[in-house]
Amino acid sequence: MDMSGEGAAVLQRLEDALAVAEAEYLVKEARDVRLIIAQIHILQKNIDEALKSYEQLTKEDPKDFRPYLCSETTSIFGMIVNHK
């Protein structure tokens, strides 16, 4: 994605979608978009930013397993990337 220069444009579209969801009080949809944004951060190797997002999402809804799962896989990915 970043190799083709689309990373910033994708993030901007997602931020726009998040703003719409939040303005319309679409809580589930806003949460889903925030998860996708965090995944884009991983693809861009912004591991710390992704982990911060997952931590915030976990605090907001401890019953949602997705941020826990993503956080753990991101931590593992970060260890692999840093090990090389």
N, C-alpha and C. Protein backbone atom coordinates (compact mmCIF):
# COMPACT_ATOMS: atom_id res chain seq x y z
N MET A 1 0.83 -1.19 0.00
CA MET A 1 0.00 0.00 0.00
C MET A 1 0.87 1.24 0.00
N ASP A 2 1.83 1.34 0.89
CA ASP A 2 2.66 2.54 0.95
C ASP A 2 3.61 2.64 -0.24
N MET A 3 3.97 1.51 -0.80
CA MET A 3 4.86 1.53 -1.95
C MET A 3 4.20 2.25 -3.12
N SER A 4 2.90 2.16 -3.20
CA SER A 4 2.19 2.82 -4.30
C SER A 4 1.74 4.22 -3.90
N GLY A 5 2.07 4.64 -2.68
CA GLY A 5 1.73 5.98 -2.23
C GLY A 5 0.29 6.16 -1.80
N GLU A 6 -0.40 5.07 -1.55
CA GLU A 6 -1.81 5.16 -1.20
C GLU A 6 -2.07 5.18 0.30
N GLY A 7 -1.07 4.97 1.10
CA GLY A 7 -1.26 4.87 2.55
C GLY A 7 -1.94 6.07 3.17
N ALA A 8 -1.47 7.25 2.85
CA ALA A 8 -2.04 8.47 3.42
C ALA A 8 -3.48 8.67 2.94
N ALA A 9 -3.73 8.36 1.68
CA ALA A 9 -5.08 8.52 1.13
C ALA A 9 -6.06 7.55 1.79
N VAL A 10 -5.61 6.34 2.02
CA VAL A 10 -6.46 5.34 2.68
C VAL A 10 -6.79 5.79 4.09
N LEU A 11 -5.78 6.22 4.81
CA LEU A 11 -6.01 6.69 6.18
C LEU A 11 -6.95 7.88 6.21
N GLN A 12 -6.82 8.78 5.25
CA GLN A 12 -7.71 9.94 5.20
C GLN A 12 -9.16 9.51 4.96
N ARG A 13 -9.36 8.57 4.05
CA ARG A 13 -10.73 8.08 3.79
C ARG A 13 -11.31 7.40 5.02
N LEU A 14 -10.48 6.66 5.72
CA LEU A 14 -10.95 6.01 6.95
C LEU A 14 -11.26 7.03 8.03
N GLU A 15 -10.43 8.06 8.16
CA GLU A 15 -10.69 9.12 9.14
C GLU A 15 -12.00 9.84 8.80
N ASP A 16 -12.25 10.05 7.51
CA ASP A 16 -13.51 10.66 7.08
C ASP A 16 -14.69 9.78 7.44
N ALA A 17 -14.55 8.48 7.19
CA ALA A 17 -15.61 7.53 7.53
C ALA A 17 -15.85 7.50 9.04
N LEU A 18 -14.78 7.59 9.81
CA LEU A 18 -14.90 7.61 11.27
C LEU A 18 -15.65 8.86 11.72
N ALA A 19 -15.33 9.99 11.12
CA ALA A 19 -16.01 11.24 11.48
C ALA A 19 -17.51 11.15 11.21
N VAL A 20 -17.87 10.55 10.09
CA VAL A 20 -19.29 10.40 9.75
C VAL A 20 -19.97 9.47 10.75
N ALA A 21 -19.33 8.35 11.04
CA ALA A 21 -19.92 7.39 11.99
C ALA A 21 -20.10 8.03 13.37
N GLU A 22 -19.10 8.78 13.82
CA GLU A 22 -19.20 9.43 15.13
C GLU A 22 -20.27 10.52 15.12
N ALA A 23 -20.38 11.27 14.04
CA ALA A 23 -21.38 12.34 13.94
C ALA A 23 -22.80 11.78 13.95
N GLU A 24 -22.95 10.58 13.42
CA GLU A 24 -24.27 9.94 13.35
C GLU A 24 -24.49 8.97 14.51
N TYR A 25 -23.60 9.00 15.49
CA TYR A 25 -23.69 8.15 16.69
C TYR A 25 -23.79 6.66 16.34
N LEU A 26 -23.03 6.26 15.34
CA LEU A 26 -22.97 4.86 14.94
C LEU A 26 -21.77 4.23 15.67
N VAL A 27 -22.01 3.85 16.91
CA VAL A 27 -20.93 3.41 17.80
C VAL A 27 -20.22 2.18 17.27
N LYS A 28 -20.97 1.16 16.87
CA LYS A 28 -20.35 -0.08 16.38
C LYS A 28 -19.54 0.19 15.12
N GLU A 29 -20.09 0.97 14.21
CA GLU A 29 -19.40 1.26 12.96
C GLU A 29 -18.14 2.08 13.21
N ALA A 30 -18.21 3.03 14.12
CA ALA A 30 -17.03 3.83 14.46
C ALA A 30 -15.94 2.94 15.05
N ARG A 31 -16.33 2.02 15.89
CA ARG A 31 -15.38 1.09 16.50
C ARG A 31 -14.73 0.22 15.43
N ASP A 32 -15.53 -0.26 14.50
CA ASP A 32 -15.01 -1.09 13.41
C ASP A 32 -13.99 -0.31 12.58
N VAL A 33 -14.29 0.94 12.28
CA VAL A 33 -13.37 1.77 11.50
C VAL A 33 -12.08 1.99 12.28
N ARG A 34 -12.18 2.21 13.57
CA ARG A 34 -10.98 2.41 14.38
C ARG A 34 -10.11 1.15 14.39
N LEU A 35 -10.72 -0.02 14.38
CA LEU A 35 -9.96 -1.26 14.28
C LEU A 35 -9.24 -1.35 12.94
N ILE A 36 -9.91 -0.96 11.89
CA ILE A 36 -9.29 -0.99 10.56
C ILE A 36 -8.13 0.01 10.50
N ILE A 37 -8.32 1.18 11.06
CA ILE A 37 -7.25 2.18 11.08
C ILE A 37 -6.02 1.61 11.79
N ALA A 38 -6.23 0.94 12.90
CA ALA A 38 -5.11 0.34 13.63
C ALA A 38 -4.41 -0.72 12.77
N GLN A 39 -5.19 -1.48 12.01
CA GLN A 39 -4.59 -2.48 11.14
C GLN A 39 -3.77 -1.83 10.02
N ILE A 40 -4.22 -0.69 9.54
CA ILE A 40 -3.44 0.04 8.53
C ILE A 40 -2.12 0.51 9.14
N HIS A 41 -2.16 0.94 10.39
CA HIS A 41 -0.92 1.34 11.08
C HIS A 41 0.06 0.17 11.12
N ILE A 42 -0.45 -1.03 11.32
CA ILE A 42 0.43 -2.21 11.33
C ILE A 42 1.08 -2.38 9.97
N LEU A 43 0.28 -2.28 8.91
CA LEU A 43 0.82 -2.42 7.56
C LEU A 43 1.90 -1.38 7.27
N GLN A 44 1.76 -0.22 7.90
CA GLN A 44 2.75 0.84 7.73
C GLN A 44 3.90 0.72 8.75
N LYS A 45 3.86 -0.35 9.52
CA LYS A 45 4.87 -0.63 10.55
C LYS A 45 4.89 0.41 11.66
N ASN A 46 3.74 1.03 11.91
CA ASN A 46 3.56 1.94 13.05
C ASN A 46 2.99 1.13 14.22
N ILE A 47 3.80 0.23 14.71
CA ILE A 47 3.37 -0.73 15.72
C ILE A 47 2.88 -0.04 16.99
N ASP A 48 3.63 0.94 17.46
CA ASP A 48 3.25 1.63 18.70
C ASP A 48 1.88 2.31 18.57
N GLU A 49 1.65 2.93 17.43
CA GLU A 49 0.37 3.60 17.20
C GLU A 49 -0.78 2.59 17.19
N ALA A 50 -0.56 1.46 16.55
CA ALA A 50 -1.58 0.41 16.51
C ALA A 50 -1.87 -0.11 17.92
N LEU A 51 -0.82 -0.36 18.69
CA LEU A 51 -1.00 -0.88 20.04
C LEU A 51 -1.74 0.11 20.93
N LYS A 52 -1.48 1.40 20.77
CA LYS A 52 -2.20 2.43 21.53
C LYS A 52 -3.69 2.39 21.19
N SER A 53 -3.98 2.23 19.91
CA SER A 53 -5.38 2.16 19.48
C SER A 53 -6.07 0.94 20.08
N TYR A 54 -5.41 -0.19 20.03
CA TYR A 54 -6.00 -1.41 20.60
C TYR A 54 -6.21 -1.29 22.10
N GLU A 55 -5.27 -0.66 22.79
CA GLU A 55 -5.40 -0.47 24.23
C GLU A 55 -6.63 0.39 24.55
N GLN A 56 -6.80 1.47 23.79
CA GLN A 56 -7.96 2.35 24.01
C GLN A 56 -9.26 1.61 23.71
N LEU A 57 -9.29 0.85 22.64
CA LEU A 57 -10.49 0.09 22.29
C LEU A 57 -10.82 -0.95 23.36
N THR A 58 -9.79 -1.55 23.94
CA THR A 58 -9.98 -2.53 25.01
C THR A 58 -10.58 -1.88 26.25
N LYS A 59 -10.11 -0.69 26.58
CA LYS A 59 -10.64 0.03 27.74
C LYS A 59 -12.10 0.40 27.53
N GLU A 60 -12.44 0.78 26.31
CA GLU A 60 -13.80 1.22 26.02
C GLU A 60 -14.81 0.07 26.06
N ASP A 61 -14.39 -1.12 25.63
CA ASP A 61 -15.31 -2.27 25.62
C ASP A 61 -14.52 -3.54 25.92
N PRO A 62 -14.33 -3.85 27.19
CA PRO A 62 -13.55 -5.03 27.57
C PRO A 62 -14.14 -6.36 27.09
N LYS A 63 -15.41 -6.37 26.70
CA LYS A 63 -16.04 -7.61 26.26
C LYS A 63 -15.74 -7.94 24.79
N ASP A 64 -15.26 -6.97 24.04
CA ASP A 64 -14.93 -7.18 22.63
C ASP A 64 -13.56 -7.84 22.55
N PHE A 65 -13.51 -9.04 21.99
CA PHE A 65 -12.26 -9.79 21.94
C PHE A 65 -11.30 -9.28 20.87
N ARG A 66 -11.80 -8.57 19.88
CA ARG A 66 -10.98 -8.20 18.73
C ARG A 66 -9.74 -7.38 19.07
N PRO A 67 -9.85 -6.34 19.90
CA PRO A 67 -8.62 -5.59 20.22
C PRO A 67 -7.58 -6.43 20.97
N TYR A 68 -8.06 -7.36 21.81
CA TYR A 68 -7.12 -8.25 22.52
C TYR A 68 -6.35 -9.10 21.51
N LEU A 69 -7.10 -9.71 20.60
CA LEU A 69 -6.49 -10.58 19.60
C LEU A 69 -5.52 -9.79 18.71
N CYS A 70 -5.97 -8.65 18.24
CA CYS A 70 -5.12 -7.83 17.38
C CYS A 70 -3.88 -7.33 18.11
N SER A 71 -4.04 -6.97 19.37
CA SER A 71 -2.91 -6.49 20.15
C SER A 71 -1.85 -7.57 20.29
N GLU A 72 -2.28 -8.78 20.58
CA GLU A 72 -1.32 -9.88 20.74
C GLU A 72 -0.62 -10.20 19.43
N THR A 73 -1.37 -10.28 18.34
CA THR A 73 -0.74 -10.58 17.06
C THR A 73 0.17 -9.43 16.62
N THR A 74 -0.20 -8.21 16.95
CA THR A 74 0.65 -7.06 16.62
C THR A 74 1.94 -7.10 17.42
N SER A 75 1.85 -7.47 18.68
CA SER A 75 3.05 -7.58 19.51
C SER A 75 3.99 -8.62 18.94
N ILE A 76 3.44 -9.74 18.51
CA ILE A 76 4.27 -10.80 17.91
C ILE A 76 4.90 -10.29 16.61
N PHE A 77 4.11 -9.62 15.79
CA PHE A 77 4.61 -9.05 14.54
C PHE A 77 5.74 -8.06 14.83
N GLY A 78 5.55 -7.23 15.85
CA GLY A 78 6.57 -6.27 16.22
C GLY A 78 7.87 -6.94 16.63
N MET A 79 7.77 -8.04 17.36
CA MET A 79 8.98 -8.77 17.76
C MET A 79 9.68 -9.35 16.54
N ILE A 80 8.92 -9.86 15.59
CA ILE A 80 9.51 -10.43 14.38
C ILE A 80 10.20 -9.35 13.56
N VAL A 81 9.53 -8.22 13.39
CA VAL A 81 10.10 -7.11 12.60
C VAL A 81 11.36 -6.58 13.26
N ASN A 82 11.36 -6.44 14.57
CA ASN A 82 12.51 -5.91 15.28
C ASN A 82 13.66 -6.91 15.36
N HIS A 83 13.35 -8.19 15.21
CA HIS A 83 14.37 -9.22 15.32
C HIS A 83 15.21 -9.29 14.04
N LYS A 84 14.64 -8.92 12.92
CA LYS A 84 15.34 -9.04 11.63
C LYS A 84 16.45 -8.05 11.48
